[in-house]
Amino acid sequence: MRRFKWIEWNRQKVAAHALSPEEVEAAFDRVYDVQERADGSFKMDAEVPSGRRLWVVWRYDREDDEIPDVFGDLAEPAIFVITAY
């Protein structure tokens, strides 16, 4: 299951393009293309349930000092949306 990290900053970024966090999250189920960028983030061509196509720029939100659980696995990192338009 995907986890997303939303803070006021990225909520405002998507709202500026008339999108809600829920719409952006739903777009991860309708992906057409994903490209990794030089800085380690991703640019994704996707679609929201209403049919609107959009670009989502995001990265994994993983801390370098995370400690594995008792079985040696790290939890699935959260997705931090940088912007969507």
PDB file of N, CA and C in Angstrom:
ATOM      1  N   MET A   1       0.845  -1.185   0.000  1.00  0.00           N
ATOM      2  CA  MET A   1       0.000   0.000   0.000  1.00  0.00           C
ATOM      3  C   MET A   1       0.886   1.243   0.000  1.00  0.00           C
ATOM      4  N   ARG A   2       0.577   2.171  -0.875  1.00  0.00           N
ATOM      5  CA  ARG A   2       1.353   3.402  -0.956  1.00  0.00           C
ATOM      6  C   ARG A   2       1.050   4.312   0.229  1.00  0.00           C
ATOM      7  N   ARG A   3       2.107   4.942   0.704  1.00  0.00           N
ATOM      8  CA  ARG A   3       1.956   5.974   1.733  1.00  0.00           C
ATOM      9  C   ARG A   3       2.440   7.283   1.123  1.00  0.00           C
ATOM     10  N   PHE A   4       1.751   8.345   1.434  1.00  0.00           N
ATOM     11  CA  PHE A   4       2.112   9.660   0.933  1.00  0.00           C
ATOM     12  C   PHE A   4       2.426  10.573   2.100  1.00  0.00           C
ATOM     13  N   LYS A   5       3.365  11.462   1.895  1.00  0.00           N
ATOM     14  CA  LYS A   5       3.692  12.467   2.911  1.00  0.00           C
ATOM     15  C   LYS A   5       3.239  13.820   2.380  1.00  0.00           C
ATOM     16  N   TRP A   6       2.238  14.371   3.032  1.00  0.00           N
ATOM     17  CA  TRP A   6       1.716  15.678   2.659  1.00  0.00           C
ATOM     18  C   TRP A   6       2.020  16.664   3.768  1.00  0.00           C
ATOM     19  N   ILE A   7       2.548  17.807   3.375  1.00  0.00           N
ATOM     20  CA  ILE A   7       2.757  18.922   4.293  1.00  0.00           C
ATOM     21  C   ILE A   7       2.097  20.140   3.644  1.00  0.00           C
ATOM     22  N   GLU A   8       2.012  21.221   4.368  1.00  0.00           N
ATOM     23  CA  GLU A   8       1.342  22.409   3.831  1.00  0.00           C
ATOM     24  C   GLU A   8       1.974  22.856   2.512  1.00  0.00           C
ATOM     25  N   TRP A   9       3.279  22.773   2.399  1.00  0.00           N
ATOM     26  CA  TRP A   9       4.000  23.223   1.205  1.00  0.00           C
ATOM     27  C   TRP A   9       3.542  22.487  -0.055  1.00  0.00           C
ATOM     28  N   ASN A  10       3.520  21.137  -0.023  1.00  0.00           N
ATOM     29  CA  ASN A  10       3.137  20.434  -1.249  1.00  0.00           C
ATOM     30  C   ASN A  10       1.617  20.447  -1.457  1.00  0.00           C
ATOM     31  N   ARG A  11       0.841  20.580  -0.403  1.00  0.00           N
ATOM     32  CA  ARG A  11      -0.610  20.755  -0.571  1.00  0.00           C
ATOM     33  C   ARG A  11      -0.905  22.049  -1.341  1.00  0.00           C
ATOM     34  N   GLN A  12      -0.182  23.110  -0.995  1.00  0.00           N
ATOM     35  CA  GLN A  12      -0.370  24.388  -1.683  1.00  0.00           C
ATOM     36  C   GLN A  12       0.082  24.300  -3.142  1.00  0.00           C
ATOM     37  N   LYS A  13       1.176  23.562  -3.389  1.00  0.00           N
ATOM     38  CA  LYS A  13       1.678  23.423  -4.755  1.00  0.00           C
ATOM     39  C   LYS A  13       0.635  22.762  -5.665  1.00  0.00           C
ATOM     40  N   VAL A  14      -0.013  21.693  -5.201  1.00  0.00           N
ATOM     41  CA  VAL A  14      -1.002  21.027  -6.048  1.00  0.00           C
ATOM     42  C   VAL A  14      -2.301  21.834  -6.119  1.00  0.00           C
ATOM     43  N   ALA A  15      -2.657  22.498  -5.030  1.00  0.00           N
ATOM     44  CA  ALA A  15      -3.872  23.328  -5.031  1.00  0.00           C
ATOM     45  C   ALA A  15      -3.745  24.487  -6.022  1.00  0.00           C
ATOM     46  N   ALA A  16      -2.531  24.987  -6.218  1.00  0.00           N
ATOM     47  CA  ALA A  16      -2.309  26.079  -7.167  1.00  0.00           C
ATOM     48  C   ALA A  16      -2.635  25.651  -8.595  1.00  0.00           C
ATOM     49  N   HIS A  17      -2.693  24.342  -8.833  1.00  0.00           N
ATOM     50  CA  HIS A  17      -3.032  23.814 -10.153  1.00  0.00           C
ATOM     51  C   HIS A  17      -4.413  23.146 -10.150  1.00  0.00           C
ATOM     52  N   ALA A  18      -5.256  23.574  -9.196  1.00  0.00           N
ATOM     53  CA  ALA A  18      -6.637  23.093  -9.078  1.00  0.00           C
ATOM     54  C   ALA A  18      -6.714  21.581  -8.893  1.00  0.00           C
ATOM     55  N   LEU A  19      -5.804  21.046  -8.064  1.00  0.00           N
ATOM     56  CA  LEU A  19      -5.796  19.614  -7.748  1.00  0.00           C
ATOM     57  C   LEU A  19      -5.851  19.432  -6.237  1.00  0.00           C
ATOM     58  N   SER A  20      -6.367  18.295  -5.812  1.00  0.00           N
ATOM     59  CA  SER A  20      -6.375  17.948  -4.396  1.00  0.00           C
ATOM     60  C   SER A  20      -5.367  16.817  -4.165  1.00  0.00           C
ATOM     61  N   PRO A  21      -4.897  16.650  -2.936  1.00  0.00           N
ATOM     62  CA  PRO A  21      -4.017  15.517  -2.648  1.00  0.00           C
ATOM     63  C   PRO A  21      -4.658  14.176  -3.019  1.00  0.00           C
ATOM     64  N   GLU A  22      -5.964  14.051  -2.821  1.00  0.00           N
ATOM     65  CA  GLU A  22      -6.654  12.797  -3.140  1.00  0.00           C
ATOM     66  C   GLU A  22      -6.617  12.503  -4.641  1.00  0.00           C
ATOM     67  N   GLU A  23      -6.778  13.536  -5.458  1.00  0.00           N
ATOM     68  CA  GLU A  23      -6.700  13.348  -6.905  1.00  0.00           C
ATOM     69  C   GLU A  23      -5.299  12.926  -7.325  1.00  0.00           C
ATOM     70  N   VAL A  24      -4.299  13.575  -6.750  1.00  0.00           N
ATOM     71  CA  VAL A  24      -2.910  13.240  -7.092  1.00  0.00           C
ATOM     72  C   VAL A  24      -2.599  11.805  -6.678  1.00  0.00           C
ATOM     73  N   GLU A  25      -3.027  11.403  -5.488  1.00  0.00           N
ATOM     74  CA  GLU A  25      -2.808  10.024  -5.041  1.00  0.00           C
ATOM     75  C   GLU A  25      -3.483   9.038  -5.991  1.00  0.00           C
ATOM     76  N   ALA A  26      -4.691   9.353  -6.434  1.00  0.00           N
ATOM     77  CA  ALA A  26      -5.418   8.464  -7.346  1.00  0.00           C
ATOM     78  C   ALA A  26      -4.709   8.340  -8.687  1.00  0.00           C
ATOM     79  N   ALA A  27      -3.977   9.367  -9.091  1.00  0.00           N
ATOM     80  CA  ALA A  27      -3.255   9.331 -10.365  1.00  0.00           C
ATOM     81  C   ALA A  27      -2.180   8.243 -10.369  1.00  0.00           C
ATOM     82  N   PHE A  28      -1.713   7.819  -9.210  1.00  0.00           N
ATOM     83  CA  PHE A  28      -0.703   6.760  -9.141  1.00  0.00           C
ATOM     84  C   PHE A  28      -1.273   5.404  -9.569  1.00  0.00           C
ATOM     85  N   ASP A  29      -2.581   5.318  -9.721  1.00  0.00           N
ATOM     86  CA  ASP A  29      -3.217   4.098 -10.226  1.00  0.00           C
ATOM     87  C   ASP A  29      -3.443   4.146 -11.740  1.00  0.00           C
ATOM     88  N   ARG A  30      -3.162   5.300 -12.355  1.00  0.00           N
ATOM     89  CA  ARG A  30      -3.377   5.481 -13.805  1.00  0.00           C
ATOM     90  C   ARG A  30      -2.142   6.136 -14.423  1.00  0.00           C
ATOM     91  N   VAL A  31      -1.043   5.421 -14.414  1.00  0.00           N
ATOM     92  CA  VAL A  31       0.239   5.957 -14.873  1.00  0.00           C
ATOM     93  C   VAL A  31       0.496   5.559 -16.320  1.00  0.00           C
ATOM     94  N   TYR A  32       0.888   6.537 -17.127  1.00  0.00           N
ATOM     95  CA  TYR A  32       1.233   6.284 -18.526  1.00  0.00           C
ATOM     96  C   TYR A  32       2.748   6.162 -18.711  1.00  0.00           C
ATOM     97  N   ASP A  33       3.500   6.960 -17.970  1.00  0.00           N
ATOM     98  CA  ASP A  33       4.957   6.953 -18.126  1.00  0.00           C
ATOM     99  C   ASP A  33       5.598   7.534 -16.875  1.00  0.00           C
ATOM    100  N   VAL A  34       6.762   7.000 -16.509  1.00  0.00           N
ATOM    101  CA  VAL A  34       7.538   7.522 -15.386  1.00  0.00           C
ATOM    102  C   VAL A  34       8.974   7.672 -15.853  1.00  0.00           C
ATOM    103  N   GLN A  35       9.541   8.824 -15.578  1.00  0.00           N
ATOM    104  CA  GLN A  35      10.936   9.080 -15.933  1.00  0.00           C
ATOM    105  C   GLN A  35      11.688   9.502 -14.680  1.00  0.00           C
ATOM    106  N   GLU A  36      12.840   8.862 -14.449  1.00  0.00           N
ATOM    107  CA  GLU A  36      13.671   9.294 -13.333  1.00  0.00           C
ATOM    108  C   GLU A  36      14.483  10.498 -13.786  1.00  0.00           C
ATOM    109  N   ARG A  37      14.553  11.495 -12.918  1.00  0.00           N
ATOM    110  CA  ARG A  37      15.283  12.713 -13.229  1.00  0.00           C
ATOM    111  C   ARG A  37      16.674  12.663 -12.613  1.00  0.00           C
ATOM    112  N   ALA A  38      17.552  13.537 -13.044  1.00  0.00           N
ATOM    113  CA  ALA A  38      18.954  13.540 -12.602  1.00  0.00           C
ATOM    114  C   ALA A  38      19.093  13.710 -11.089  1.00  0.00           C
ATOM    115  N   ASP A  39      18.138  14.395 -10.456  1.00  0.00           N
ATOM    116  CA  ASP A  39      18.237  14.626  -9.014  1.00  0.00           C
ATOM    117  C   ASP A  39      17.645  13.494  -8.173  1.00  0.00           C
ATOM    118  N   GLY A  40      17.229  12.404  -8.806  1.00  0.00           N
ATOM    119  CA  GLY A  40      16.667  11.264  -8.081  1.00  0.00           C
ATOM    120  C   GLY A  40      15.165  11.315  -7.908  1.00  0.00           C
ATOM    121  N   SER A  41      14.542  12.409  -8.333  1.00  0.00           N
ATOM    122  CA  SER A  41      13.085  12.480  -8.279  1.00  0.00           C
ATOM    123  C   SER A  41      12.530  11.850  -9.561  1.00  0.00           C
ATOM    124  N   PHE A  42      11.208  11.784  -9.644  1.00  0.00           N
ATOM    125  CA  PHE A  42      10.544  11.176 -10.794  1.00  0.00           C
ATOM    126  C   PHE A  42       9.535  12.151 -11.370  1.00  0.00           C
ATOM    127  N   LYS A  43       9.349  12.089 -12.696  1.00  0.00           N
ATOM    128  CA  LYS A  43       8.300  12.847 -13.373  1.00  0.00           C
ATOM    129  C   LYS A  43       7.378  11.835 -14.024  1.00  0.00           C
ATOM    130  N   MET A  44       6.111  11.909 -13.663  1.00  0.00           N
ATOM    131  CA  MET A  44       5.151  10.885 -14.050  1.00  0.00           C
ATOM    132  C   MET A  44       4.001  11.503 -14.845  1.00  0.00           C
ATOM    133  N   ASP A  45       3.703  10.905 -15.973  1.00  0.00           N
ATOM    134  CA  ASP A  45       2.543  11.267 -16.786  1.00  0.00           C
ATOM    135  C   ASP A  45       1.414  10.350 -16.328  1.00  0.00           C
ATOM    136  N   ALA A  46       0.325  10.938 -15.832  1.00  0.00           N
ATOM    137  CA  ALA A  46      -0.745  10.128 -15.247  1.00  0.00           C
ATOM    138  C   ALA A  46      -2.098  10.786 -15.489  1.00  0.00           C
ATOM    139  N   GLU A  47      -3.130  10.148 -14.972  1.00  0.00           N
ATOM    140  CA  GLU A  47      -4.499  10.631 -15.159  1.00  0.00           C
ATOM    141  C   GLU A  47      -5.259  10.506 -13.846  1.00  0.00           C
ATOM    142  N   VAL A  48      -6.032  11.547 -13.526  1.00  0.00           N
ATOM    143  CA  VAL A  48      -6.895  11.492 -12.343  1.00  0.00           C
ATOM    144  C   VAL A  48      -8.219  10.837 -12.732  1.00  0.00           C
ATOM    145  N   PRO A  49      -9.022  10.402 -11.759  1.00  0.00           N
ATOM    146  CA  PRO A  49     -10.274   9.701 -12.085  1.00  0.00           C
ATOM    147  C   PRO A  49     -11.221  10.470 -13.017  1.00  0.00           C
ATOM    148  N   SER A  50     -11.174  11.795 -12.983  1.00  0.00           N
ATOM    149  CA  SER A  50     -12.056  12.574 -13.859  1.00  0.00           C
ATOM    150  C   SER A  50     -11.606  12.545 -15.322  1.00  0.00           C
ATOM    151  N   GLY A  51     -10.405  12.007 -15.574  1.00  0.00           N
ATOM    152  CA  GLY A  51      -9.885  11.931 -16.928  1.00  0.00           C
ATOM    153  C   GLY A  51      -8.836  12.980 -17.250  1.00  0.00           C
ATOM    154  N   ARG A  52      -8.613  13.904 -16.345  1.00  0.00           N
ATOM    155  CA  ARG A  52      -7.604  14.955 -16.551  1.00  0.00           C
ATOM    156  C   ARG A  52      -6.205  14.349 -16.543  1.00  0.00           C
ATOM    157  N   ARG A  53      -5.427  14.621 -17.582  1.00  0.00           N
ATOM    158  CA  ARG A  53      -4.032  14.184 -17.635  1.00  0.00           C
ATOM    159  C   ARG A  53      -3.181  15.211 -16.902  1.00  0.00           C
ATOM    160  N   LEU A  54      -2.153  14.727 -16.239  1.00  0.00           N
ATOM    161  CA  LEU A  54      -1.286  15.637 -15.510  1.00  0.00           C
ATOM    162  C   LEU A  54       0.120  15.071 -15.378  1.00  0.00           C
ATOM    163  N   TRP A  55       1.031  15.944 -15.021  1.00  0.00           N
ATOM    164  CA  TRP A  55       2.384  15.567 -14.655  1.00  0.00           C
ATOM    165  C   TRP A  55       2.481  15.632 -13.145  1.00  0.00           C
ATOM    166  N   VAL A  56       3.117  14.637 -12.554  1.00  0.00           N
ATOM    167  CA  VAL A  56       3.371  14.626 -11.120  1.00  0.00           C
ATOM    168  C   VAL A  56       4.876  14.485 -10.940  1.00  0.00           C
ATOM    169  N   VAL A  57       5.466  15.394 -10.194  1.00  0.00           N
ATOM    170  CA  VAL A  57       6.881  15.300  -9.851  1.00  0.00           C
ATOM    171  C   VAL A  57       6.934  14.875  -8.389  1.00  0.00           C
ATOM    172  N   TRP A  58       7.671  13.786  -8.117  1.00  0.00           N
ATOM    173  CA  TRP A  58       7.678  13.227  -6.769  1.00  0.00           C
ATOM    174  C   TRP A  58       9.014  12.543  -6.498  1.00  0.00           C
ATOM    175  N   ARG A  59       9.220  12.210  -5.218  1.00  0.00           N
ATOM    176  CA  ARG A  59      10.397  11.449  -4.809  1.00  0.00           C
ATOM    177  C   ARG A  59      10.008  10.560  -3.637  1.00  0.00           C
ATOM    178  N   TYR A  60      10.847   9.572  -3.376  1.00  0.00           N
ATOM    179  CA  TYR A  60      10.647   8.766  -2.168  1.00  0.00           C
ATOM    180  C   TYR A  60      11.151   9.559  -0.985  1.00  0.00           C
ATOM    181  N   ASP A  61      10.428   9.534   0.105  1.00  0.00           N
ATOM    182  CA  ASP A  61      10.794  10.259   1.314  1.00  0.00           C
ATOM    183  C   ASP A  61      11.434   9.286   2.294  1.00  0.00           C
ATOM    184  N   ARG A  62      12.697   9.005   2.080  1.00  0.00           N
ATOM    185  CA  ARG A  62      13.418   8.051   2.927  1.00  0.00           C
ATOM    186  C   ARG A  62      14.562   8.772   3.623  1.00  0.00           C
ATOM    187  N   GLU A  63      14.635   8.586   4.907  1.00  0.00           N
ATOM    188  CA  GLU A  63      15.729   9.160   5.677  1.00  0.00           C
ATOM    189  C   GLU A  63      16.927   8.227   5.610  1.00  0.00           C
ATOM    190  N   ASP A  64      18.117   8.777   5.493  1.00  0.00           N
ATOM    191  CA  ASP A  64      19.326   7.961   5.400  1.00  0.00           C
ATOM    192  C   ASP A  64      19.594   7.152   6.657  1.00  0.00           C
ATOM    193  N   ASP A  65      19.093   7.598   7.795  1.00  0.00           N
ATOM    194  CA  ASP A  65      19.388   6.913   9.053  1.00  0.00           C
ATOM    195  C   ASP A  65      18.238   6.026   9.542  1.00  0.00           C
ATOM    196  N   GLU A  66      17.344   5.612   8.641  1.00  0.00           N
ATOM    197  CA  GLU A  66      16.251   4.738   9.051  1.00  0.00           C
ATOM    198  C   GLU A  66      16.801   3.406   9.523  1.00  0.00           C
ATOM    199  N   ILE A  67      16.158   2.846  10.528  1.00  0.00           N
ATOM    200  CA  ILE A  67      16.590   1.581  11.113  1.00  0.00           C
ATOM    201  C   ILE A  67      15.637   0.483  10.663  1.00  0.00           C
ATOM    202  N   PRO A  68      16.162  -0.644  10.148  1.00  0.00           N
ATOM    203  CA  PRO A  68      15.286  -1.742   9.731  1.00  0.00           C
ATOM    204  C   PRO A  68      14.504  -2.306  10.914  1.00  0.00           C
ATOM    205  N   ASP A  69      13.369  -2.938  10.622  1.00  0.00           N
ATOM    206  CA  ASP A  69      12.600  -3.585  11.689  1.00  0.00           C
ATOM    207  C   ASP A  69      13.324  -4.859  12.125  1.00  0.00           C
ATOM    208  N   VAL A  70      12.715  -5.630  13.005  1.00  0.00           N
ATOM    209  CA  VAL A  70      13.380  -6.811  13.566  1.00  0.00           C
ATOM    210  C   VAL A  70      13.717  -7.868  12.527  1.00  0.00           C
ATOM    211  N   PHE A  71      13.073  -7.829  11.372  1.00  0.00           N
ATOM    212  CA  PHE A  71      13.347  -8.796  10.318  1.00  0.00           C
ATOM    213  C   PHE A  71      14.364  -8.261   9.303  1.00  0.00           C
ATOM    214  N   GLY A  72      14.892  -7.059   9.552  1.00  0.00           N
ATOM    215  CA  GLY A  72      15.906  -6.490   8.679  1.00  0.00           C
ATOM    216  C   GLY A  72      15.364  -5.736   7.480  1.00  0.00           C
ATOM    217  N   ASP A  73      14.056  -5.537   7.441  1.00  0.00           N
ATOM    218  CA  ASP A  73      13.451  -4.830   6.310  1.00  0.00           C
ATOM    219  C   ASP A  73      13.163  -3.388   6.693  1.00  0.00           C
ATOM    220  N   LEU A  74      13.311  -2.522   5.713  1.00  0.00           N
ATOM    221  CA  LEU A  74      12.894  -1.139   5.903  1.00  0.00           C
ATOM    222  C   LEU A  74      11.445  -1.016   5.457  1.00  0.00           C
ATOM    223  N   ALA A  75      10.708  -0.182   6.130  1.00  0.00           N
ATOM    224  CA  ALA A  75       9.319   0.062   5.731  1.00  0.00           C
ATOM    225  C   ALA A  75       9.302   0.688   4.337  1.00  0.00           C
ATOM    226  N   GLU A  76       8.232   0.467   3.610  1.00  0.00           N
ATOM    227  CA  GLU A  76       8.070   1.079   2.293  1.00  0.00           C
ATOM    228  C   GLU A  76       8.138   2.594   2.470  1.00  0.00           C
ATOM    229  N   PRO A  77       9.015   3.287   1.741  1.00  0.00           N
ATOM    230  CA  PRO A  77       9.137   4.724   1.922  1.00  0.00           C
ATOM    231  C   PRO A  77       7.890   5.465   1.436  1.00  0.00           C
ATOM    232  N   ALA A  78       7.605   6.556   2.087  1.00  0.00           N
ATOM    233  CA  ALA A  78       6.474   7.380   1.665  1.00  0.00           C
ATOM    234  C   ALA A  78       6.808   8.108   0.376  1.00  0.00           C
ATOM    235  N   ILE A  79       5.779   8.442  -0.371  1.00  0.00           N
ATOM    236  CA  ILE A  79       5.923   9.228  -1.600  1.00  0.00           C
ATOM    237  C   ILE A  79       5.689  10.680  -1.234  1.00  0.00           C
ATOM    238  N   PHE A  80       6.668  11.520  -1.564  1.00  0.00           N
ATOM    239  CA  PHE A  80       6.552  12.956  -1.314  1.00  0.00           C
ATOM    240  C   PHE A  80       6.335  13.642  -2.654  1.00  0.00           C
ATOM    241  N   VAL A  81       5.153  14.175  -2.850  1.00  0.00           N
ATOM    242  CA  VAL A  81       4.824  14.870  -4.092  1.00  0.00           C
ATOM    243  C   VAL A  81       5.420  16.264  -4.037  1.00  0.00           C
ATOM    244  N   ILE A  82       6.221  16.590  -5.034  1.00  0.00           N
ATOM    245  CA  ILE A  82       6.839  17.916  -5.114  1.00  0.00           C
ATOM    246  C   ILE A  82       5.866  18.897  -5.768  1.00  0.00           C
ATOM    247  N   THR A  83       5.253  18.476  -6.861  1.00  0.00           N
ATOM    248  CA  THR A  83       4.223  19.276  -7.517  1.00  0.00           C
ATOM    249  C   THR A  83       3.424  18.404  -8.465  1.00  0.00           C
ATOM    250  N   ALA A  84       2.310  18.898  -8.903  1.00  0.00           N
ATOM    251  CA  ALA A  84       1.489  18.225  -9.917  1.00  0.00           C
ATOM    252  C   ALA A  84       0.807  19.319 -10.722  1.00  0.00           C
ATOM    253  N   TYR A  85       0.771  19.131 -12.024  1.00  0.00           N
ATOM    254  CA  TYR A  85       0.167  20.155 -12.895  1.00  0.00           C
ATOM    255  C   TYR A  85      -0.330  19.534 -14.179  1.00  0.00           C
TER     256      TYR A  85
END
